[in-house]
Protein backbone atom coordinates (compact mmCIF):
# COMPACT_ATOMS: atom_id res chain seq x y z
CA MET A 1 164.39 85.91 123.10
CA ALA A 2 167.75 85.23 121.84
CA ARG A 3 170.79 85.08 124.15
CA PHE A 4 170.64 84.26 127.78
CA THR A 5 168.86 86.63 130.23
CA PRO A 6 171.26 88.14 132.89
CA GLU A 7 169.67 85.77 135.24
CA ASN A 8 170.03 82.77 133.09
CA GLU A 9 173.69 83.84 132.14
CA ALA A 10 174.45 83.90 135.84
CA LEU A 11 173.02 80.40 136.33
CA ALA A 12 174.88 79.30 133.34
CA ARG A 13 178.16 80.33 134.92
CA GLU A 14 177.17 78.49 138.06
CA ILE A 15 176.48 75.37 136.05
CA ILE A 16 179.90 75.79 134.25
CA GLY A 17 181.60 75.95 137.65
CA ARG A 18 180.46 72.44 138.37
CA TYR A 19 182.60 70.88 135.65
CA PRO A 20 186.39 70.42 135.15
CA ARG A 21 186.26 71.82 131.80
CA PRO A 22 183.85 74.55 130.61
CA LYS A 23 182.75 72.82 127.59
CA SER A 24 181.57 69.88 129.49
CA ALA A 25 178.64 72.05 130.55
CA THR A 26 177.41 72.19 126.97
CA ILE A 27 174.50 70.05 127.14
CA PRO A 28 173.11 71.25 130.49
CA LEU A 29 173.45 74.93 129.02
CA CYS A 30 171.48 73.79 125.87
CA HIS A 31 168.71 72.69 128.22
CA LEU A 32 168.73 75.96 130.04
CA ALA A 33 168.53 77.80 126.80
CA GLN A 34 165.57 75.60 125.68
CA GLU A 35 163.73 76.14 128.99
CA GLN A 36 164.11 79.98 128.50
CA ASP A 37 162.95 80.07 124.98
CA GLY A 38 160.89 76.72 124.42
CA HIS A 39 163.47 75.77 121.78
CA LEU A 40 167.19 76.09 121.03
CA THR A 41 167.98 79.30 119.00
CA ASP A 42 171.04 80.11 116.97
CA GLU A 43 171.64 83.15 119.29
CA ALA A 44 171.52 80.98 122.25
CA MET A 45 174.09 78.42 120.76
CA ALA A 46 176.41 81.27 120.08
CA HIS A 47 176.07 82.60 123.74
CA ILE A 48 176.82 78.97 124.95
CA ALA A 49 179.87 78.80 122.83
CA GLU A 50 181.19 81.99 124.24
CA LEU A 51 180.70 80.88 127.66
CA VAL A 52 182.31 77.60 127.37
CA GLY A 53 185.03 78.44 124.93
CA VAL A 54 184.04 76.52 121.75
CA THR A 55 182.66 77.53 118.34
CA SER A 56 178.84 77.87 117.56
CA ALA A 57 179.47 74.77 115.24
CA GLU A 58 180.65 72.65 118.02
CA VAL A 59 177.48 73.42 120.11
CA LEU A 60 175.30 72.89 117.06
CA GLY A 61 177.02 69.59 116.48
CA THR A 62 176.42 68.46 119.99
CA ALA A 63 172.81 69.54 120.15
CA SER A 64 171.91 68.17 116.88
CA PHE A 65 172.58 64.82 118.09
CA TYR A 66 169.81 64.82 120.51
CA GLU A 67 166.16 64.61 119.54
CA MET A 68 165.06 66.53 122.75
CA PHE A 69 166.69 69.86 121.54
CA LYS A 70 164.37 71.43 119.09
CA ARG A 71 165.73 73.84 116.71
CA GLN A 72 162.41 75.49 115.74
CA PRO A 73 159.59 76.67 117.86
CA VAL A 74 157.23 74.11 119.13
CA GLY A 75 153.92 73.95 121.09
CA ARG A 76 153.74 74.61 124.74
CA TYR A 77 153.15 70.88 125.03
CA VAL A 78 155.17 68.51 122.88
CA ILE A 79 153.16 65.22 122.62
CA ASN A 80 155.21 62.09 121.80
CA VAL A 81 153.17 58.94 120.77
CA CYS A 82 155.10 55.79 120.71
CA THR A 83 154.43 53.54 117.72
CA ASN A 84 157.26 51.07 118.14
CA ILE A 85 156.61 47.30 118.58
CA SER A 86 155.11 46.82 121.93
CA CYS A 87 153.05 50.15 121.59
CA GLN A 88 151.98 49.32 117.97
CA LEU A 89 150.74 45.82 118.88
CA LEU A 90 148.58 47.42 121.72
CA GLY A 91 147.19 50.28 119.82
CA GLY A 92 149.85 52.88 119.40
CA GLU A 93 149.12 53.53 115.76
CA GLU A 94 145.43 53.93 116.51
CA LEU A 95 146.15 56.31 119.48
CA LEU A 96 148.27 58.36 117.05
CA ALA A 97 145.52 58.55 114.45
CA HIS A 98 143.21 59.59 117.27
CA ALA A 99 145.45 62.12 118.48
CA GLU A 100 145.74 63.61 114.97
CA GLU A 101 141.86 63.74 114.64
CA THR A 102 141.55 65.16 118.05
CA LEU A 103 144.11 67.88 117.55
CA GLY A 104 143.26 68.60 113.90
CA ILE A 105 146.89 68.09 112.93
CA THR A 106 149.24 65.52 111.44
CA SER A 107 152.25 64.11 113.21
CA GLY A 108 155.30 66.61 113.06
CA SER A 109 152.89 69.63 113.22
CA THR A 110 151.79 72.30 115.70
CA THR A 111 148.18 73.42 116.38
CA ALA A 112 147.37 76.89 115.02
CA ASP A 113 147.00 78.13 118.74
CA GLY A 114 150.58 77.09 119.37
CA LEU A 115 149.74 74.77 122.30
CA PHE A 116 150.37 71.38 121.09
CA THR A 117 153.02 69.76 118.85
CA LEU A 118 152.46 66.08 117.93
CA GLU A 119 155.31 63.60 117.37
CA ASP A 120 155.28 59.95 116.25
CA VAL A 121 158.38 58.48 118.05
CA GLU A 122 160.37 55.50 118.28
CA CYS A 123 160.53 53.36 121.62
CA ILE A 124 160.26 55.53 124.81
CA ALA A 125 161.27 52.67 127.02
CA ALA A 126 157.79 52.10 128.50
CA CYS A 127 157.00 48.83 126.86
CA THR A 128 155.22 47.25 129.82
CA GLU A 129 152.92 50.12 130.02
CA ALA A 130 151.81 50.41 126.22
CA PRO A 131 150.32 52.08 124.59
CA ALA A 132 152.41 55.16 125.97
CA CYS A 133 152.91 58.70 125.25
CA GLN A 134 154.81 61.50 126.76
CA VAL A 135 153.92 65.17 127.21
CA ASN A 136 157.17 67.23 127.57
CA TYR A 137 158.73 63.99 128.32
CA ARG A 138 156.44 63.14 131.38
CA TYR A 139 155.20 59.64 130.77
CA GLN A 140 151.42 58.78 130.36
CA HIS A 141 150.92 55.05 130.54
CA GLN A 142 148.23 52.61 128.96
CA VAL A 143 146.72 55.55 127.27
CA THR A 144 143.22 54.85 125.87
CA THR A 145 141.58 57.38 123.40
CA GLU A 146 139.36 58.62 126.25
CA ASP A 147 142.50 59.15 128.47
CA PHE A 148 143.97 61.10 125.65
CA ASP A 149 140.86 63.43 125.19
CA ARG A 150 140.94 63.89 128.86
CA LEU A 151 144.51 64.74 128.89
CA ILE A 152 144.09 67.30 126.13
CA ALA A 153 141.14 68.97 127.81
CA ASP A 154 143.13 69.13 131.11
CA LEU A 155 146.04 70.66 129.47
CA ARG A 156 143.92 73.15 127.66
CA ALA A 157 142.19 74.15 130.99
CA GLY A 158 145.70 74.42 132.88
CA GLY A 159 144.62 71.43 134.83
CA ARG A 160 147.96 69.47 134.95
CA PRO A 161 150.45 71.56 136.84
CA GLU A 162 152.84 68.58 136.89
CA ILE A 163 153.52 69.11 133.36
CA PRO A 164 155.44 72.47 132.86
CA ALA A 165 155.89 74.13 129.57
CA HIS A 166 158.34 72.63 126.89
CA GLY A 167 161.91 72.80 127.81
CA THR A 168 161.45 72.66 131.59
CA LEU A 169 163.25 69.42 132.71
CA GLY A 170 162.85 69.56 136.47
CA ALA A 171 160.57 71.39 138.92
CA VAL A 172 163.47 72.02 141.30
CA ARG A 173 166.56 73.63 140.14
CA GLN A 174 169.77 72.48 141.80
CA HIS A 175 172.10 74.96 143.39
CA ILE A 176 175.51 73.96 144.66
CA ALA A 177 177.26 76.34 146.79
CA ALA A 178 180.90 77.22 145.79
CA ASP A 179 182.32 75.78 148.99
CA GLN A 180 180.53 72.49 148.41
CA VAL A 181 181.55 71.80 144.88
CA ALA A 182 184.07 69.13 145.09
CA ASN A 183 186.75 67.40 142.80
CA ILE A 184 186.23 69.46 139.66
CA GLY A 185 189.87 69.89 138.53
CA PRO A 186 190.85 68.69 135.08
CA PRO A 187 191.97 64.97 134.96
CA GLU A 188 195.70 65.89 134.89
CA THR A 189 195.42 67.41 138.24
CA GLN A 190 193.55 64.75 139.88
CA VAL A 191 195.19 62.96 142.85
CA GLU A 192 194.73 59.24 142.99
CA PRO A 193 192.57 58.21 145.96
CA ALA A 194 194.25 56.50 148.72
CA TRP A 195 192.04 53.26 148.33
CA PHE A 196 192.64 53.13 144.66
CA ALA A 197 196.48 53.22 145.09
CA ARG A 198 196.31 50.56 147.78
CA ARG A 199 194.28 48.17 145.64
CA ASN A 200 196.72 48.67 142.70
CA ALA A 201 199.64 47.99 145.01
CA GLU A 202 197.72 44.74 146.44
CA ALA A 203 196.97 43.56 142.97
CA ALA A 204 200.63 44.16 141.76
CA ALA A 205 201.93 42.35 144.85
CA GLY A 206 199.69 39.49 144.38
CA GLY A 207 200.70 39.13 140.56
CA ALA A 208 204.35 39.14 141.58
CA SER A 209 204.03 36.21 144.06
């Protein structure tokens, strides 16, 4: 798969319609492309560039800033094991070593069956739940080696439906009817809200007294 499918192109145009400027939709469209293909392809970035009116280089420049966007194919499940300070002190490095042994790969690699990609990551903001990991950015807290093995077995058996394939951010897609989209004009066309104008007038009057 390369460019958006017709269905996803229609969805992309709907997403663009929520923003005052088309290029503001670049990141949501990158997520949509990654959901479609599992990673962000060059062809998808070119299609996004066409849709939002920028160059492919600008899309790449935006996407390459974010670790969540994968430029190369990854496994159906991307497992991030945190080894930052809180997780490190409570067994994060040992958990990573166990994960490498269980999966038969090293950090940064993908299993031969294409099912799992393992990553050693920095803080994932779950310090009170250390050691923690994520599967496709779904948190797993206070993970023991036994928990990890059970998680892998469940995923292999398709027993964790709450964890979708890599690239899917949400289980429910937001749709906003055209007549319900509000206040999406560009900044120069915005009208100052009455309460804002009143507040500024009151502040000016107070400063003058």
